[in-house]
Amino acid sequence: MRMPILILHIIAGSLGVLSGFVAMSLRKGSRWHALAGQIFVGAMLTMSGCGVCLAILKSQPGNILGGMLTFYLVATAWMVARHPDGRSGILDWAALLVVLAVASTELTFAVQAAYSVTGMKYDYPPAPYLIFGVVGLLGAVGDVRLLWHGSISGSQRLARHLWRMCFGLFIASASVFLARQHLFPELLRKTGALYVLSFLPLIVMIVWLVRVSFMNGQKRKALAGMHA
């Protein structure tokens, strides 16, 4: 039962990373960027969903949480891009409940790992749990703001889309280039290229968030329309 899910997980993950890097390299709002983004969303949701299923079959709570967080980030980034008016709905309430459960569990595991004899919890040290827990809390804060106001627009809508997509890509790229360095040629391992590929989504995320914050209203509106 695991093998077909594992194969689909690998194929979707590879396609997600490839399409994500392609989308980053294309002009934002262009037709090809939108197409690459749609492929990225489908691949990432498939990859993370399969990852959660595999983690459940293997009894790996840490990977279950990581897969759920990745699914949440990409799904909520896609939802805000698909609604030009930025209005919230029932799915946003469901997303908030999911990410609150994930974040609270991640932070609990971080504390338990820090105080355990081995310094580990389910084969992971405190740092990954802490990082993902904080990211989950940031996502929850954004969800609460969206639900409180009933809609989101302008730079906030763009920022919500960008950081969630980019962090989802970072999780996928790090899972490939950092966690599985043995799969790549020695040259890539020695030159540090794998680290660059892993953290490039975060660098792009920061650059675009800064750029969006300095855009004038007309440019933000135009870019937001292109992402719809």
Protein backbone atom coordinates (compact mmCIF):
# COMPACT_ATOMS: atom_id res chain seq x y z
CA MET A 1 0.00 0.00 0.00
CA ARG A 2 2.89 2.36 0.72
CA MET A 3 4.67 1.95 -2.61
CA PRO A 4 2.04 3.57 -4.91
CA ILE A 5 1.63 6.46 -2.46
CA LEU A 6 5.40 6.84 -2.20
CA ILE A 7 5.80 6.93 -5.99
CA LEU A 8 3.06 9.55 -6.31
CA HIS A 9 4.64 11.50 -3.46
CA ILE A 10 8.04 11.55 -5.18
CA ILE A 11 6.64 12.47 -8.60
CA ALA A 12 4.43 15.22 -7.20
CA GLY A 13 7.24 16.57 -5.02
CA SER A 14 9.66 16.72 -7.95
CA LEU A 15 7.05 18.42 -10.12
CA GLY A 16 6.21 20.83 -7.30
CA VAL A 17 9.81 21.92 -6.80
CA LEU A 18 10.43 22.26 -10.55
CA SER A 19 7.23 24.23 -11.23
CA GLY A 20 7.83 26.38 -8.17
CA PHE A 21 11.26 27.45 -9.36
CA VAL A 22 9.88 28.06 -12.85
CA ALA A 23 7.09 30.23 -11.42
CA MET A 24 9.65 32.25 -9.44
CA SER A 25 11.68 32.93 -12.58
CA LEU A 26 8.74 34.13 -14.69
CA ARG A 27 7.23 37.60 -14.73
CA LYS A 28 4.67 37.84 -11.93
CA GLY A 29 1.14 37.96 -13.25
CA SER A 30 2.01 36.65 -16.71
CA ARG A 31 0.05 33.81 -18.29
CA TRP A 32 3.00 31.42 -18.00
CA HIS A 33 3.53 32.37 -14.36
CA ALA A 34 -0.13 31.58 -13.65
CA LEU A 35 0.17 28.23 -15.44
CA ALA A 36 3.32 27.27 -13.53
CA GLY A 37 1.60 28.36 -10.32
CA GLN A 38 -1.40 26.15 -10.99
CA ILE A 39 0.86 23.16 -11.62
CA PHE A 40 2.76 24.01 -8.44
CA VAL A 41 -0.40 24.12 -6.34
CA GLY A 42 -1.71 20.81 -7.68
CA ALA A 43 1.64 19.09 -7.26
CA MET A 44 2.26 20.46 -3.77
CA LEU A 45 -1.19 19.53 -2.48
CA THR A 46 -0.73 16.04 -3.88
CA MET A 47 2.79 15.75 -2.47
CA SER A 48 1.85 16.93 1.02
CA GLY A 49 -1.33 14.86 1.08
CA CYS A 50 0.59 11.73 0.13
CA GLY A 51 3.26 12.66 2.66
CA VAL A 52 0.68 12.79 5.45
CA CYS A 53 -0.71 9.41 4.40
CA LEU A 54 2.75 7.85 4.39
CA ALA A 55 3.58 9.39 7.76
CA ILE A 56 0.38 7.96 9.22
CA LEU A 57 1.18 4.50 7.86
CA LYS A 58 4.71 4.74 9.29
CA SER A 59 3.58 6.31 12.61
CA GLN A 60 5.68 9.47 12.14
CA PRO A 61 3.86 12.31 13.96
CA GLY A 62 6.53 14.87 13.05
CA ASN A 63 6.10 14.25 9.34
CA ILE A 64 2.30 14.28 9.69
CA LEU A 65 2.52 17.80 11.11
CA GLY A 66 4.99 18.95 8.44
CA GLY A 67 2.77 17.64 5.65
CA MET A 68 -0.32 19.26 7.12
CA LEU A 69 1.44 22.61 7.48
CA THR A 70 2.66 22.47 3.86
CA PHE A 71 -0.83 21.61 2.62
CA TYR A 72 -2.29 24.47 4.67
CA LEU A 73 0.20 27.06 3.41
CA VAL A 74 -0.24 26.23 -0.27
CA ALA A 75 -4.02 25.83 -0.04
CA THR A 76 -4.58 29.16 1.73
CA ALA A 77 -2.19 30.94 -0.66
CA TRP A 78 -4.19 29.54 -3.58
CA MET A 79 -7.53 30.48 -2.01
CA VAL A 80 -6.62 34.14 -1.56
CA ALA A 81 -5.39 34.29 -5.17
CA ARG A 82 -8.60 32.75 -6.51
CA HIS A 83 -10.88 35.31 -4.86
CA PRO A 84 -10.37 38.77 -6.42
CA ASP A 85 -12.52 40.41 -3.73
CA GLY A 86 -10.43 38.76 -0.99
CA ARG A 87 -13.53 37.71 0.94
CA SER A 88 -13.30 35.01 3.60
CA GLY A 89 -15.43 31.88 3.65
CA ILE A 90 -16.05 28.62 5.44
CA LEU A 91 -12.78 27.15 4.16
CA ASP A 92 -10.87 29.95 5.88
CA TRP A 93 -12.47 28.98 9.19
CA ALA A 94 -11.51 25.34 8.60
CA ALA A 95 -7.95 26.39 7.73
CA LEU A 96 -7.66 28.37 10.95
CA LEU A 97 -8.72 25.39 13.06
CA VAL A 98 -6.26 23.13 11.27
CA VAL A 99 -3.28 25.45 11.61
CA LEU A 100 -4.02 26.16 15.28
CA ALA A 101 -4.00 22.41 15.97
CA VAL A 102 -0.77 21.97 13.99
CA ALA A 103 1.01 24.95 15.58
CA SER A 104 0.07 24.04 19.15
CA THR A 105 1.21 20.44 18.63
CA GLU A 106 4.48 21.55 17.02
CA LEU A 107 5.28 23.86 19.94
CA THR A 108 4.35 21.18 22.47
CA PHE A 109 6.69 18.72 20.77
CA ALA A 110 9.43 21.38 20.73
CA VAL A 111 9.22 21.73 24.52
CA GLN A 112 9.06 17.96 25.03
CA ALA A 113 12.09 17.42 22.78
CA ALA A 114 14.07 20.12 24.60
CA TYR A 115 13.45 18.49 27.99
CA SER A 116 13.80 14.86 26.89
CA VAL A 117 16.87 12.81 27.78
CA THR A 118 17.81 12.34 24.11
CA GLY A 119 16.94 15.89 23.08
CA MET A 120 14.59 14.43 20.47
CA LYS A 121 10.89 13.89 19.97
CA TYR A 122 9.85 11.38 17.32
CA ASP A 123 13.35 11.51 15.79
CA TYR A 124 13.45 15.33 15.53
CA PRO A 125 15.22 17.93 17.73
CA PRO A 126 13.36 20.98 19.08
CA ALA A 127 14.36 23.38 16.26
CA PRO A 128 12.15 22.03 13.43
CA TYR A 129 9.14 21.84 15.73
CA LEU A 130 9.79 25.38 16.95
CA ILE A 131 10.22 26.82 13.46
CA PHE A 132 7.13 25.15 12.05
CA GLY A 133 5.17 26.04 15.16
CA VAL A 134 6.04 29.73 14.81
CA VAL A 135 5.19 29.64 11.08
CA GLY A 136 1.86 28.05 11.94
CA LEU A 137 1.14 30.78 14.50
CA LEU A 138 1.98 33.47 11.92
CA GLY A 139 -0.44 31.81 9.54
CA ALA A 140 -3.12 31.69 12.23
CA VAL A 141 -2.66 35.40 12.99
CA GLY A 142 -3.18 36.17 9.31
CA ASP A 143 -6.28 33.99 9.24
CA VAL A 144 -7.76 35.72 12.28
CA ARG A 145 -7.14 39.12 10.67
CA LEU A 146 -8.81 37.96 7.46
CA LEU A 147 -11.84 36.55 9.28
CA TRP A 148 -12.13 39.58 11.55
CA HIS A 149 -12.27 42.04 8.66
CA GLY A 150 -14.16 39.70 6.36
CA SER A 151 -11.87 40.36 3.40
CA ILE A 152 -8.32 41.28 2.46
CA SER A 153 -6.98 43.46 -0.34
CA GLY A 154 -3.99 45.40 -1.62
CA SER A 155 -0.54 44.69 -0.27
CA GLN A 156 -1.87 42.46 2.53
CA ARG A 157 -3.54 40.16 -0.01
CA LEU A 158 -0.36 39.98 -2.09
CA ALA A 159 1.83 39.39 0.95
CA ARG A 160 -0.47 36.60 2.18
CA HIS A 161 -0.22 34.88 -1.20
CA LEU A 162 3.52 35.35 -1.64
CA TRP A 163 4.86 34.29 1.75
CA ARG A 164 2.70 31.19 1.97
CA MET A 165 3.57 30.00 -1.53
CA CYS A 166 7.28 30.67 -1.01
CA PHE A 167 7.45 29.00 2.39
CA GLY A 168 5.62 25.98 1.02
CA LEU A 169 8.22 25.78 -1.75
CA PHE A 170 10.99 26.15 0.82
CA ILE A 171 9.68 23.15 2.75
CA ALA A 172 9.63 21.08 -0.44
CA SER A 173 13.03 22.21 -1.69
CA ALA A 174 14.67 21.69 1.71
CA SER A 175 13.15 18.21 1.87
CA VAL A 176 14.85 17.41 -1.44
CA PHE A 177 18.14 19.33 -1.46
CA LEU A 178 19.00 19.37 2.26
CA ALA A 179 17.44 16.22 3.66
CA ARG A 180 18.57 14.05 0.75
CA GLN A 181 21.96 15.41 -0.22
CA HIS A 182 23.26 11.90 -0.85
CA LEU A 183 21.13 11.74 -4.00
CA PHE A 184 23.13 14.51 -5.68
CA PRO A 185 26.64 14.61 -7.19
CA GLU A 186 29.52 15.37 -4.87
CA LEU A 187 30.23 18.63 -6.73
CA LEU A 188 26.85 20.05 -5.72
CA ARG A 189 27.38 18.98 -2.13
CA LYS A 190 30.85 20.55 -1.87
CA THR A 191 30.04 23.85 -3.59
CA GLY A 192 27.06 24.62 -1.37
CA ALA A 193 24.70 24.71 -4.36
CA LEU A 194 22.21 22.50 -2.52
CA TYR A 195 21.97 25.05 0.29
CA VAL A 196 21.39 27.84 -2.22
CA LEU A 197 18.61 25.88 -3.91
CA SER A 198 17.04 25.09 -0.55
CA PHE A 199 16.95 28.65 0.77
CA LEU A 200 16.33 30.46 -2.52
CA PRO A 201 12.53 30.45 -1.99
CA LEU A 202 12.99 32.28 1.32
CA ILE A 203 15.29 34.84 -0.31
CA VAL A 204 12.77 35.44 -3.10
CA MET A 205 10.00 35.70 -0.51
CA ILE A 206 11.82 38.44 1.40
CA VAL A 207 12.66 40.34 -1.79
CA TRP A 208 9.06 40.30 -2.98
CA LEU A 209 7.60 41.23 0.41
CA VAL A 210 9.89 44.25 0.53
CA ARG A 211 9.04 45.13 -3.05
CA VAL A 212 5.30 44.87 -2.42
CA SER A 213 5.56 47.11 0.62
CA PHE A 214 7.08 49.88 -1.53
CA MET A 215 4.69 49.54 -4.48
CA ASN A 216 2.23 52.34 -5.10
CA GLY A 217 -1.47 51.60 -5.01
CA GLN A 218 -1.90 51.33 -8.78
CA LYS A 219 0.87 48.76 -9.16
CA ARG A 220 -0.44 46.71 -6.23
CA LYS A 221 -3.91 46.67 -7.75
CA ALA A 222 -2.58 45.59 -11.13
CA LEU A 223 -0.41 42.81 -9.67
CA ALA A 224 -3.25 41.63 -7.44
CA GLY A 225 -5.52 41.40 -10.47
CA MET A 226 -2.95 39.36 -12.35
CA HIS A 227 -2.72 36.86 -9.49
CA ALA A 228 -6.50 36.37 -9.41
